[in-house]
Amino acid sequence: MKRTSISSLKKKAWKVFSEYIRQKYADWRGYATCVTCGAVKHWKELQAGHFIGGRRNSLLFDERACHPQCMPCNVWKHGDQIKYFRFMQRAYGEHVIRELESLNLVDKQFKKEELESIIKKYKPCP
């Protein structure tokens, strides 16, 4: 029996989590809004952008730190941090922002069981 690596589990977990985030904010037609520029696109055309960049493991799968963003904002504008910060202030308040900043300082190593649990939690029902 072939063993699944941490790396491949993390990749799969990110795929299902990213799809979950983009669909979570979509309307019944599948359209969601970029949290930084307001562009409305189908969830498949958006990305799951992190409030605090760098994709540190401690925040990678934190729903409060990840929201739909269009590619220009997420990639070319590196998350458009000022607008993302304003969104976070309105949506969550300063206490959550400070908590996420603290979590970002924590080094996190995933175990296979954790990643399998994340995949199970965010995988869409058949």
N, C-alpha and C. Protein backbone atom coordinates (compact mmCIF):
# COMPACT_ATOMS: atom_id res chain seq x y z
N MET A 1 0.85 -1.19 0.00
CA MET A 1 0.00 0.00 0.00
C MET A 1 0.89 1.25 0.00
N LYS A 2 0.63 2.15 -0.93
CA LYS A 2 1.43 3.36 -1.07
C LYS A 2 1.05 4.37 0.02
N ARG A 3 2.05 4.93 0.66
CA ARG A 3 1.81 5.93 1.70
C ARG A 3 1.71 7.31 1.06
N THR A 4 0.78 8.10 1.56
CA THR A 4 0.59 9.45 1.05
C THR A 4 1.49 10.40 1.83
N SER A 5 2.19 11.26 1.09
CA SER A 5 3.13 12.18 1.73
C SER A 5 2.39 13.37 2.34
N ILE A 6 3.04 14.00 3.29
CA ILE A 6 2.51 15.23 3.90
C ILE A 6 2.30 16.28 2.81
N SER A 7 3.26 16.39 1.92
CA SER A 7 3.19 17.38 0.85
C SER A 7 1.97 17.17 -0.04
N SER A 8 1.69 15.95 -0.43
CA SER A 8 0.54 15.71 -1.30
C SER A 8 -0.78 15.89 -0.53
N LEU A 9 -0.79 15.53 0.74
CA LEU A 9 -1.99 15.77 1.56
C LEU A 9 -2.24 17.26 1.75
N LYS A 10 -1.18 18.02 1.96
CA LYS A 10 -1.32 19.46 2.13
C LYS A 10 -1.85 20.11 0.85
N LYS A 11 -1.37 19.65 -0.28
CA LYS A 11 -1.82 20.16 -1.57
C LYS A 11 -3.31 19.87 -1.77
N LYS A 12 -3.73 18.64 -1.45
CA LYS A 12 -5.14 18.27 -1.57
C LYS A 12 -6.00 19.05 -0.59
N ALA A 13 -5.50 19.21 0.64
CA ALA A 13 -6.23 19.98 1.65
C ALA A 13 -6.41 21.42 1.18
N TRP A 14 -5.37 22.01 0.61
CA TRP A 14 -5.48 23.39 0.11
C TRP A 14 -6.51 23.47 -1.01
N LYS A 15 -6.52 22.49 -1.90
CA LYS A 15 -7.48 22.50 -3.01
C LYS A 15 -8.91 22.52 -2.50
N VAL A 16 -9.24 21.62 -1.57
CA VAL A 16 -10.63 21.56 -1.08
C VAL A 16 -10.96 22.77 -0.22
N PHE A 17 -9.99 23.26 0.57
CA PHE A 17 -10.22 24.44 1.40
C PHE A 17 -10.44 25.68 0.52
N SER A 18 -9.60 25.84 -0.48
CA SER A 18 -9.72 26.98 -1.39
C SER A 18 -11.07 26.99 -2.10
N GLU A 19 -11.50 25.83 -2.56
CA GLU A 19 -12.81 25.74 -3.21
C GLU A 19 -13.92 26.07 -2.22
N TYR A 20 -13.78 25.56 -1.00
CA TYR A 20 -14.78 25.85 0.03
C TYR A 20 -14.89 27.36 0.28
N ILE A 21 -13.76 28.02 0.47
CA ILE A 21 -13.75 29.47 0.75
C ILE A 21 -14.42 30.23 -0.38
N ARG A 22 -14.07 29.92 -1.61
CA ARG A 22 -14.63 30.66 -2.76
C ARG A 22 -16.12 30.40 -2.91
N GLN A 23 -16.55 29.17 -2.64
CA GLN A 23 -17.98 28.85 -2.75
C GLN A 23 -18.78 29.38 -1.56
N LYS A 24 -18.15 29.44 -0.40
CA LYS A 24 -18.82 29.93 0.81
C LYS A 24 -19.39 31.34 0.62
N TYR A 25 -18.67 32.16 -0.11
CA TYR A 25 -19.08 33.55 -0.31
C TYR A 25 -19.82 33.78 -1.62
N ALA A 26 -20.08 32.69 -2.36
CA ALA A 26 -20.77 32.81 -3.65
C ALA A 26 -22.28 32.83 -3.46
N ASP A 27 -22.96 33.48 -4.38
CA ASP A 27 -24.42 33.48 -4.35
C ASP A 27 -24.93 32.19 -5.00
N TRP A 28 -26.23 32.10 -5.15
CA TRP A 28 -26.85 30.89 -5.69
C TRP A 28 -26.44 30.60 -7.13
N ARG A 29 -25.97 31.63 -7.85
CA ARG A 29 -25.51 31.43 -9.23
C ARG A 29 -24.04 31.07 -9.31
N GLY A 30 -23.35 31.15 -8.15
CA GLY A 30 -21.92 30.83 -8.13
C GLY A 30 -21.01 32.04 -8.21
N TYR A 31 -21.58 33.25 -8.06
CA TYR A 31 -20.78 34.47 -8.15
C TYR A 31 -20.42 35.00 -6.76
N ALA A 32 -19.17 35.41 -6.63
CA ALA A 32 -18.68 35.98 -5.36
C ALA A 32 -17.95 37.28 -5.67
N THR A 33 -17.70 38.03 -4.61
CA THR A 33 -17.08 39.35 -4.74
C THR A 33 -15.67 39.34 -4.17
N CYS A 34 -14.74 39.92 -4.91
CA CYS A 34 -13.37 40.09 -4.40
C CYS A 34 -13.43 41.04 -3.20
N VAL A 35 -12.85 40.62 -2.08
CA VAL A 35 -12.96 41.42 -0.86
C VAL A 35 -12.15 42.71 -0.92
N THR A 36 -11.25 42.83 -1.89
CA THR A 36 -10.43 44.04 -1.94
C THR A 36 -10.87 45.04 -3.01
N CYS A 37 -11.26 44.58 -4.20
CA CYS A 37 -11.63 45.54 -5.25
C CYS A 37 -13.12 45.53 -5.58
N GLY A 38 -13.83 44.51 -5.11
CA GLY A 38 -15.26 44.44 -5.36
C GLY A 38 -15.65 43.80 -6.68
N ALA A 39 -14.69 43.27 -7.44
CA ALA A 39 -15.02 42.61 -8.70
C ALA A 39 -15.89 41.40 -8.41
N VAL A 40 -16.92 41.22 -9.22
CA VAL A 40 -17.82 40.08 -9.07
C VAL A 40 -17.51 39.08 -10.17
N LYS A 41 -17.15 37.87 -9.77
CA LYS A 41 -16.79 36.83 -10.72
C LYS A 41 -17.31 35.50 -10.22
N HIS A 42 -17.37 34.54 -11.13
CA HIS A 42 -17.75 33.19 -10.73
C HIS A 42 -16.66 32.67 -9.79
N TRP A 43 -17.05 31.89 -8.79
CA TRP A 43 -16.09 31.44 -7.78
C TRP A 43 -14.90 30.71 -8.40
N LYS A 44 -15.10 30.05 -9.54
CA LYS A 44 -13.99 29.33 -10.20
C LYS A 44 -12.96 30.29 -10.79
N GLU A 45 -13.35 31.55 -11.00
CA GLU A 45 -12.43 32.55 -11.54
C GLU A 45 -11.70 33.33 -10.44
N LEU A 46 -12.08 33.09 -9.19
CA LEU A 46 -11.46 33.78 -8.06
C LEU A 46 -10.43 32.89 -7.39
N GLN A 47 -9.65 33.48 -6.51
CA GLN A 47 -8.68 32.76 -5.72
C GLN A 47 -9.04 32.92 -4.24
N ALA A 48 -8.48 32.05 -3.42
CA ALA A 48 -8.63 32.17 -1.98
C ALA A 48 -7.40 32.92 -1.47
N GLY A 49 -7.57 34.21 -1.20
CA GLY A 49 -6.46 35.06 -0.80
C GLY A 49 -6.36 35.19 0.70
N HIS A 50 -5.14 35.19 1.19
CA HIS A 50 -4.90 35.30 2.64
C HIS A 50 -4.70 36.75 3.07
N PHE A 51 -5.28 37.08 4.21
CA PHE A 51 -5.11 38.41 4.79
C PHE A 51 -3.64 38.66 5.14
N ILE A 52 -3.01 37.68 5.73
CA ILE A 52 -1.58 37.77 6.04
C ILE A 52 -0.87 36.83 5.08
N GLY A 53 -0.06 37.40 4.21
CA GLY A 53 0.59 36.63 3.16
C GLY A 53 1.65 35.67 3.68
N GLY A 54 2.15 34.90 2.74
CA GLY A 54 3.23 33.98 3.06
C GLY A 54 2.78 32.55 3.28
N ARG A 55 1.46 32.34 3.34
CA ARG A 55 0.90 31.00 3.49
C ARG A 55 1.57 30.19 4.61
N ARG A 56 1.77 30.84 5.73
CA ARG A 56 2.31 30.12 6.90
C ARG A 56 1.30 29.07 7.33
N ASN A 57 1.79 27.93 7.74
CA ASN A 57 0.91 26.82 8.11
C ASN A 57 -0.08 27.18 9.20
N SER A 58 0.31 28.05 10.13
CA SER A 58 -0.58 28.37 11.25
C SER A 58 -1.85 29.09 10.79
N LEU A 59 -1.82 29.75 9.65
CA LEU A 59 -2.98 30.47 9.13
C LEU A 59 -3.51 29.90 7.83
N LEU A 60 -2.86 28.91 7.29
CA LEU A 60 -3.20 28.41 5.96
C LEU A 60 -4.66 28.01 5.85
N PHE A 61 -5.19 27.32 6.87
CA PHE A 61 -6.56 26.83 6.82
C PHE A 61 -7.48 27.53 7.82
N ASP A 62 -7.16 28.77 8.16
CA ASP A 62 -8.00 29.56 9.06
C ASP A 62 -9.01 30.34 8.22
N GLU A 63 -10.28 30.01 8.38
CA GLU A 63 -11.32 30.64 7.56
C GLU A 63 -11.39 32.15 7.74
N ARG A 64 -11.01 32.64 8.92
CA ARG A 64 -11.07 34.08 9.16
C ARG A 64 -10.00 34.82 8.38
N ALA A 65 -8.96 34.13 7.96
CA ALA A 65 -7.82 34.77 7.31
C ALA A 65 -7.80 34.57 5.80
N CYS A 66 -8.85 34.00 5.24
CA CYS A 66 -8.86 33.64 3.82
C CYS A 66 -10.21 33.97 3.21
N HIS A 67 -10.19 34.71 2.10
CA HIS A 67 -11.42 35.17 1.47
C HIS A 67 -11.24 35.23 -0.04
N PRO A 68 -12.34 35.32 -0.79
CA PRO A 68 -12.22 35.40 -2.25
C PRO A 68 -11.52 36.68 -2.70
N GLN A 69 -10.59 36.50 -3.61
CA GLN A 69 -9.91 37.63 -4.24
C GLN A 69 -9.72 37.33 -5.72
N CYS A 70 -9.77 38.36 -6.53
CA CYS A 70 -9.47 38.19 -7.94
C CYS A 70 -7.95 38.06 -8.10
N MET A 71 -7.52 37.52 -9.24
CA MET A 71 -6.09 37.33 -9.45
C MET A 71 -5.30 38.65 -9.42
N PRO A 72 -5.79 39.72 -10.05
CA PRO A 72 -5.02 40.96 -9.97
C PRO A 72 -4.75 41.42 -8.53
N CYS A 73 -5.76 41.34 -7.67
CA CYS A 73 -5.56 41.76 -6.27
C CYS A 73 -4.66 40.80 -5.52
N ASN A 74 -4.92 39.51 -5.66
CA ASN A 74 -4.19 38.51 -4.88
C ASN A 74 -2.74 38.34 -5.35
N VAL A 75 -2.53 38.34 -6.65
CA VAL A 75 -1.20 38.05 -7.18
C VAL A 75 -0.44 39.33 -7.53
N TRP A 76 -0.98 40.09 -8.45
CA TRP A 76 -0.25 41.26 -8.93
C TRP A 76 -0.13 42.36 -7.89
N LYS A 77 -1.15 42.52 -7.07
CA LYS A 77 -1.11 43.55 -6.01
C LYS A 77 -0.73 42.95 -4.66
N HIS A 78 -0.26 41.70 -4.67
CA HIS A 78 0.20 41.01 -3.45
C HIS A 78 -0.82 41.06 -2.32
N GLY A 79 -2.08 40.86 -2.68
CA GLY A 79 -3.14 40.82 -1.68
C GLY A 79 -3.82 42.16 -1.45
N ASP A 80 -3.28 43.23 -2.04
CA ASP A 80 -3.84 44.58 -1.84
C ASP A 80 -4.12 44.80 -0.35
N GLN A 81 -3.04 44.74 0.43
CA GLN A 81 -3.12 44.66 1.89
C GLN A 81 -3.89 45.80 2.57
N ILE A 82 -3.79 47.00 2.07
CA ILE A 82 -4.51 48.10 2.73
C ILE A 82 -6.02 47.89 2.63
N LYS A 83 -6.49 47.54 1.43
CA LYS A 83 -7.92 47.30 1.27
C LYS A 83 -8.35 46.04 2.01
N TYR A 84 -7.49 45.01 2.03
CA TYR A 84 -7.82 43.78 2.75
C TYR A 84 -7.92 44.09 4.25
N PHE A 85 -7.01 44.92 4.76
CA PHE A 85 -7.05 45.30 6.17
C PHE A 85 -8.36 46.00 6.51
N ARG A 86 -8.79 46.90 5.65
CA ARG A 86 -10.06 47.61 5.88
C ARG A 86 -11.24 46.63 5.89
N PHE A 87 -11.21 45.66 4.96
CA PHE A 87 -12.25 44.63 4.94
C PHE A 87 -12.25 43.86 6.27
N MET A 88 -11.07 43.46 6.73
CA MET A 88 -10.95 42.69 7.97
C MET A 88 -11.46 43.49 9.17
N GLN A 89 -11.16 44.77 9.20
CA GLN A 89 -11.65 45.62 10.29
C GLN A 89 -13.18 45.62 10.32
N ARG A 90 -13.80 45.79 9.16
CA ARG A 90 -15.26 45.81 9.08
C ARG A 90 -15.85 44.44 9.41
N ALA A 91 -15.24 43.39 8.88
CA ALA A 91 -15.82 42.05 9.00
C ALA A 91 -15.58 41.40 10.36
N TYR A 92 -14.41 41.64 10.96
CA TYR A 92 -14.03 40.91 12.17
C TYR A 92 -13.64 41.77 13.36
N GLY A 93 -13.14 42.96 13.10
CA GLY A 93 -12.69 43.83 14.19
C GLY A 93 -11.23 43.62 14.55
N GLU A 94 -10.74 44.54 15.35
CA GLU A 94 -9.32 44.56 15.72
C GLU A 94 -8.89 43.33 16.50
N HIS A 95 -9.76 42.79 17.37
CA HIS A 95 -9.36 41.65 18.20
C HIS A 95 -9.00 40.43 17.35
N VAL A 96 -9.74 40.18 16.28
CA VAL A 96 -9.43 39.04 15.41
C VAL A 96 -8.16 39.32 14.61
N ILE A 97 -7.99 40.54 14.16
CA ILE A 97 -6.76 40.89 13.43
C ILE A 97 -5.55 40.64 14.32
N ARG A 98 -5.62 41.07 15.57
CA ARG A 98 -4.49 40.84 16.49
C ARG A 98 -4.27 39.35 16.75
N GLU A 99 -5.36 38.60 16.87
CA GLU A 99 -5.23 37.15 17.08
C GLU A 99 -4.55 36.48 15.88
N LEU A 100 -4.94 36.88 14.67
CA LEU A 100 -4.31 36.32 13.47
C LEU A 100 -2.84 36.71 13.38
N GLU A 101 -2.53 37.94 13.75
CA GLU A 101 -1.12 38.37 13.76
C GLU A 101 -0.31 37.51 14.72
N SER A 102 -0.87 37.22 15.87
CA SER A 102 -0.17 36.36 16.85
C SER A 102 -0.01 34.94 16.33
N LEU A 103 -1.07 34.40 15.74
CA LEU A 103 -0.99 33.04 15.19
C LEU A 103 0.06 32.94 14.09
N ASN A 104 0.24 34.02 13.36
CA ASN A 104 1.21 34.02 12.26
C ASN A 104 2.64 33.84 12.76
N LEU A 105 2.87 34.09 14.02
CA LEU A 105 4.21 33.94 14.59
C LEU A 105 4.51 32.50 15.01
N VAL A 106 3.49 31.66 14.99
CA VAL A 106 3.63 30.27 15.43
C VAL A 106 4.08 29.38 14.27
N ASP A 107 5.13 28.60 14.51
CA ASP A 107 5.55 27.62 13.51
C ASP A 107 4.69 26.38 13.65
N LYS A 108 4.09 25.97 12.57
CA LYS A 108 3.17 24.84 12.59
C LYS A 108 3.64 23.79 11.61
N GLN A 109 3.72 22.56 12.06
CA GLN A 109 4.00 21.41 11.20
C GLN A 109 2.78 20.51 11.22
N PHE A 110 2.25 20.21 10.06
CA PHE A 110 1.06 19.37 9.99
C PHE A 110 1.43 17.89 10.11
N LYS A 111 0.56 17.17 10.76
CA LYS A 111 0.62 15.71 10.79
C LYS A 111 -0.37 15.20 9.75
N LYS A 112 -0.14 14.01 9.27
CA LYS A 112 -1.02 13.44 8.24
C LYS A 112 -2.48 13.44 8.70
N GLU A 113 -2.70 13.09 9.95
CA GLU A 113 -4.06 13.01 10.47
C GLU A 113 -4.77 14.36 10.43
N GLU A 114 -4.02 15.43 10.71
CA GLU A 114 -4.60 16.78 10.68
C GLU A 114 -5.04 17.14 9.27
N LEU A 115 -4.17 16.86 8.30
CA LEU A 115 -4.49 17.18 6.92
C LEU A 115 -5.64 16.33 6.41
N GLU A 116 -5.68 15.07 6.79
CA GLU A 116 -6.80 14.21 6.40
C GLU A 116 -8.10 14.73 7.00
N SER A 117 -8.04 15.24 8.21
CA SER A 117 -9.22 15.81 8.86
C SER A 117 -9.69 17.08 8.14
N ILE A 118 -8.75 17.91 7.71
CA ILE A 118 -9.09 19.13 6.97
C ILE A 118 -9.74 18.76 5.64
N ILE A 119 -9.19 17.77 4.97
CA ILE A 119 -9.76 17.32 3.69
C ILE A 119 -11.19 16.84 3.90
N LYS A 120 -11.39 16.06 4.93
CA LYS A 120 -12.73 15.53 5.22
C LYS A 120 -13.71 16.66 5.56
N LYS A 121 -13.25 17.63 6.34
CA LYS A 121 -14.11 18.74 6.77
C LYS A 121 -14.56 19.60 5.59
N TYR A 122 -13.66 19.90 4.66
CA TYR A 122 -13.97 20.86 3.60
C TYR A 122 -14.34 20.22 2.27
N LYS A 123 -14.21 18.91 2.16
CA LYS A 123 -14.56 18.24 0.91
C LYS A 123 -16.08 18.30 0.72
N PRO A 124 -16.52 18.69 -0.47
CA PRO A 124 -17.98 18.76 -0.68
C PRO A 124 -18.62 17.39 -0.60
N CYS A 125 -19.83 17.37 -0.14
CA CYS A 125 -20.59 16.12 -0.06
C CYS A 125 -20.94 15.67 -1.48
N PRO A 126 -20.91 14.37 -1.72
CA PRO A 126 -21.23 13.87 -3.07
C PRO A 126 -22.68 14.07 -3.45
